[in-house]
Protein backbone atom coordinates (compact mmCIF):
# COMPACT_ATOMS: atom_id res chain seq x y z
CA MET A 1 103.74 171.63 138.94
CA ALA A 2 99.90 171.58 138.75
CA LYS A 3 98.43 168.64 137.42
CA VAL A 4 96.08 168.78 134.27
CA ILE A 5 93.41 166.27 134.47
CA SER A 6 90.81 165.57 131.46
CA THR A 7 87.44 164.22 132.88
CA LEU A 8 85.09 162.89 130.25
CA PHE A 9 81.96 160.65 129.79
CA VAL A 10 82.65 158.23 126.79
CA SER A 11 80.90 155.13 125.39
CA ALA A 12 82.16 151.67 125.09
CA ASP A 13 83.32 152.51 121.26
CA GLY A 14 85.08 155.69 122.32
CA VAL A 15 82.63 158.44 121.53
CA ALA A 16 83.14 161.26 123.84
CA GLU A 17 80.52 163.72 122.26
CA ILE A 18 77.74 163.02 124.61
CA ASP A 19 74.19 162.03 123.65
CA PRO A 20 71.76 162.65 126.60
CA ASP A 21 69.87 159.48 125.57
CA TRP A 22 73.00 157.38 126.37
CA HIS A 23 74.39 159.03 128.98
CA PHE A 24 71.82 160.13 131.54
CA PRO A 25 69.94 156.59 132.08
CA TYR A 26 73.56 155.54 133.64
CA PHE A 27 73.98 158.64 135.92
CA ASP A 28 73.98 157.98 139.29
CA GLU A 29 75.20 158.57 143.00
CA ASN A 30 78.37 156.82 142.25
CA MET A 31 78.91 158.96 139.01
CA GLY A 32 78.05 161.96 140.73
CA ARG A 33 80.78 161.09 143.32
CA ALA A 34 83.39 160.47 140.93
CA VAL A 35 82.54 163.74 139.04
CA THR A 36 83.05 165.54 142.53
CA GLU A 37 86.24 164.23 143.03
CA ASP A 38 87.55 165.14 139.93
CA TYR A 39 86.34 168.60 140.36
CA ALA A 40 88.00 168.60 143.80
CA THR A 41 91.55 168.38 142.09
CA SER A 42 91.78 171.80 140.27
CA ASP A 43 91.00 175.38 141.04
CA VAL A 44 91.03 176.28 137.32
CA LEU A 45 89.00 175.05 134.48
CA LEU A 46 90.05 174.77 130.91
CA ILE A 47 87.27 174.44 128.47
CA GLY A 48 86.73 174.78 124.91
CA ARG A 49 84.56 177.45 123.19
CA GLU A 50 81.71 174.67 122.50
CA THR A 51 81.85 173.41 126.35
CA TYR A 52 81.96 177.12 127.66
CA ASP A 53 78.79 178.07 125.32
CA SER A 54 77.11 174.89 126.85
CA PHE A 55 78.03 175.56 130.48
CA ALA A 56 77.37 179.19 130.32
CA GLY A 57 74.09 178.57 128.87
CA ALA A 58 73.12 176.26 131.87
CA TRP A 59 74.73 176.56 135.19
CA PRO A 60 73.95 180.31 136.08
CA GLY A 61 70.59 179.95 135.33
CA ARG A 62 70.57 176.78 137.71
CA GLU A 63 72.59 178.63 140.30
CA ALA A 64 69.92 181.31 140.29
CA ALA A 65 67.10 179.04 140.54
CA GLY A 66 68.16 177.41 143.98
CA GLY A 67 67.66 173.88 143.20
CA GLU A 68 69.42 171.09 144.11
CA ASP A 69 72.31 171.74 141.77
CA ALA A 70 72.74 175.18 142.75
CA SER A 71 75.60 174.83 145.23
CA PHE A 72 77.40 172.87 142.77
CA ALA A 73 76.38 175.72 139.93
CA LYS A 74 77.90 178.13 142.42
CA GLN A 75 81.09 176.33 142.72
CA LEU A 76 81.40 176.05 138.94
CA GLY A 77 80.73 180.15 138.84
CA ASP A 78 83.31 180.86 141.52
CA THR A 79 86.02 178.70 139.67
CA ARG A 80 88.25 180.63 137.23
CA LYS A 81 87.63 179.48 133.77
CA VAL A 82 90.23 179.53 130.85
CA VAL A 83 88.57 179.19 127.73
CA ALA A 84 90.37 178.42 124.42
CA SER A 85 88.69 179.81 121.60
CA ARG A 86 89.86 181.01 117.84
CA GLN A 87 87.18 183.40 117.82
CA PRO A 88 86.68 186.44 120.40
CA LEU A 89 83.90 185.62 122.92
CA GLU A 90 81.87 187.86 124.87
CA PHE A 91 81.98 186.36 128.39
CA THR A 92 78.61 186.36 130.20
CA TRP A 93 79.52 183.97 133.15
CA ARG A 94 81.88 185.52 136.02
CA ASN A 95 85.41 184.57 136.45
CA SER A 96 85.74 183.76 132.55
CA GLU A 97 88.85 184.74 130.72
CA LEU A 98 90.13 183.76 127.19
CA ILE A 99 93.63 182.16 126.72
CA GLN A 100 95.82 184.46 124.86
CA GLY A 101 98.26 182.94 122.24
CA ASP A 102 99.18 179.37 121.95
CA LEU A 103 97.28 176.66 123.65
CA THR A 104 100.22 174.57 124.57
CA GLU A 105 102.20 177.51 125.54
CA ALA A 106 99.18 178.84 127.93
CA VAL A 107 98.80 175.43 129.54
CA ALA A 108 102.46 175.10 130.10
CA ALA A 109 102.45 178.41 131.95
CA LEU A 110 99.37 177.17 133.71
CA LYS A 111 101.04 174.07 134.88
CA ALA A 112 104.07 176.12 136.27
CA ASP A 113 102.16 178.73 138.33
CA PRO A 114 102.79 178.07 141.53
CA GLY A 115 99.57 179.50 142.72
CA ILE A 116 97.55 176.92 140.71
CA LYS A 117 96.48 173.44 142.46
CA GLY A 118 95.14 172.05 139.28
CA VAL A 119 93.69 172.29 136.11
CA LEU A 120 90.74 170.43 135.00
CA ILE A 121 89.37 170.05 131.50
CA PRO A 122 85.69 168.90 131.31
CA GLY A 123 84.67 167.56 128.05
CA SER A 124 86.17 169.96 125.25
CA ILE A 125 87.50 167.16 123.13
CA SER A 126 89.61 169.25 120.72
CA VAL A 127 91.47 170.62 123.51
CA VAL A 128 92.18 167.16 125.22
CA GLN A 129 93.43 165.87 121.84
CA GLN A 130 95.78 168.96 121.42
CA LEU A 131 97.02 168.75 125.04
CA LEU A 132 97.63 164.73 124.94
CA ALA A 133 99.53 165.41 121.72
CA ALA A 134 101.97 167.73 123.29
CA GLY A 135 102.29 165.68 126.44
CA LEU A 136 100.60 168.10 128.72
CA VAL A 137 97.78 165.96 130.08
CA ASP A 138 98.77 164.25 133.44
CA GLU A 139 95.65 162.11 133.93
CA LEU A 140 92.78 161.12 131.48
CA ARG A 141 89.89 160.11 133.69
CA LEU A 142 87.22 158.46 131.70
CA LEU A 143 83.64 157.32 132.84
CA VAL A 144 83.13 154.56 130.35
CA HIS A 145 79.45 153.75 129.60
CA PRO A 146 78.03 150.42 128.96
CA VAL A 147 76.81 151.41 125.41
CA ALA A 148 78.14 151.48 121.72
CA ALA A 149 76.94 155.12 120.75
CA ARG A 150 77.87 154.31 116.94
CA LYS A 151 77.94 157.90 116.14
CA GLY A 152 79.76 161.29 117.34
CA ARG A 153 83.01 162.36 117.91
CA LYS A 154 85.66 160.04 119.43
CA LEU A 155 88.18 160.71 121.95
CA PHE A 156 91.13 159.46 120.13
CA ASP A 157 91.45 160.46 116.34
CA ASP A 158 93.65 159.29 113.99
CA GLY A 159 97.30 160.09 114.31
CA ASP A 160 100.76 159.02 113.22
CA ALA A 161 101.63 157.12 116.65
CA PRO A 162 100.44 155.11 119.34
CA LEU A 163 99.29 156.75 122.44
CA HIS A 164 100.58 154.68 125.24
CA LEU A 165 98.91 154.81 128.81
CA LYS A 166 98.87 153.25 132.33
CA VAL A 167 96.25 152.53 134.32
CA VAL A 168 96.31 154.45 137.61
CA ALA A 169 92.65 153.22 139.00
CA THR A 170 89.81 151.59 138.07
CA GLU A 171 86.34 151.28 139.34
CA ALA A 172 83.16 149.28 138.54
CA PHE A 173 79.74 150.92 139.27
CA PRO A 174 76.47 148.83 139.44
CA THR A 175 75.02 150.42 136.42
CA GLY A 176 77.88 149.07 134.34
CA VAL A 177 79.84 152.15 134.01
CA LEU A 178 83.73 151.76 134.60
CA ARG A 179 85.79 154.73 135.91
CA VAL A 180 89.09 154.44 134.51
CA ILE A 181 92.17 156.68 135.46
CA TYR A 182 94.84 156.74 132.89
CA ALA A 183 98.11 158.30 132.94
CA PRO A 184 100.82 158.86 130.10
CA ALA A 185 103.24 156.12 129.77
CA GLU A 186 106.45 155.22 127.98
CA ALA A 187 106.00 152.80 125.17
CA PRO A 188 106.90 149.13 126.02
CA ALA A 189 109.60 147.31 124.55
CA ALA A 190 109.39 146.22 121.10
CA ALA A 191 108.09 142.60 120.50
CA GLY A 192 106.75 140.21 118.03
CA TYR A 193 105.30 136.86 117.81
CA ASP A 194 108.54 135.02 118.54
CA ASP A 195 108.89 136.80 121.79
CA ILE A 196 105.51 135.77 123.15
CA LYS A 197 105.00 132.54 121.72
CA ASP A 198 105.76 130.62 124.84
CA GLN A 199 103.03 132.51 126.35
CA ALA A 200 100.36 132.06 123.60
CA PRO A 201 97.07 129.78 124.46
CA LYS A 202 98.33 125.84 124.78
CA GLY A 203 96.83 123.05 122.40
CA GLU A 204 95.15 120.40 124.13
């Protein structure tokens, strides 16, 4: 089965809607390496319409310009891009296609395709939320910035039940950014205060 991996830049208070004012000051070679590692996991990009519009409006031009980021721009252009949108799209970026039908069914089919190494979801908060709820995300890779954004869309929206996670790996960058890789986990055994009181802080 192909892994579905979500990669997101988030603030300390959980905002995943990037504001350049708090994101770019923390971007360094460590974050660049982490992003490179994330993209190396997959041969399919799964993105929502807003992310597609943002990427398609920037990366083809950067590839054509031939600057320092042209190689990565070409990599993105050459990669298969599967776009989730409720509205028809006119694609201007090569190797782009629209998901037909239900999102979760389409992603389950991608996971089961033996010809696919992995599926990466950069950004695309709504897509990630839907797939987390459906249990289709294998890893959640967060680059947590040391700033409380205080506005913007958060990754975890309100829901009926907690979403339990286990930590797969962590790394702290000199900028204060924390790289945390989570995977879904079973809920721990139920417990109350009486179950933990022997481990509570001890008085002097």
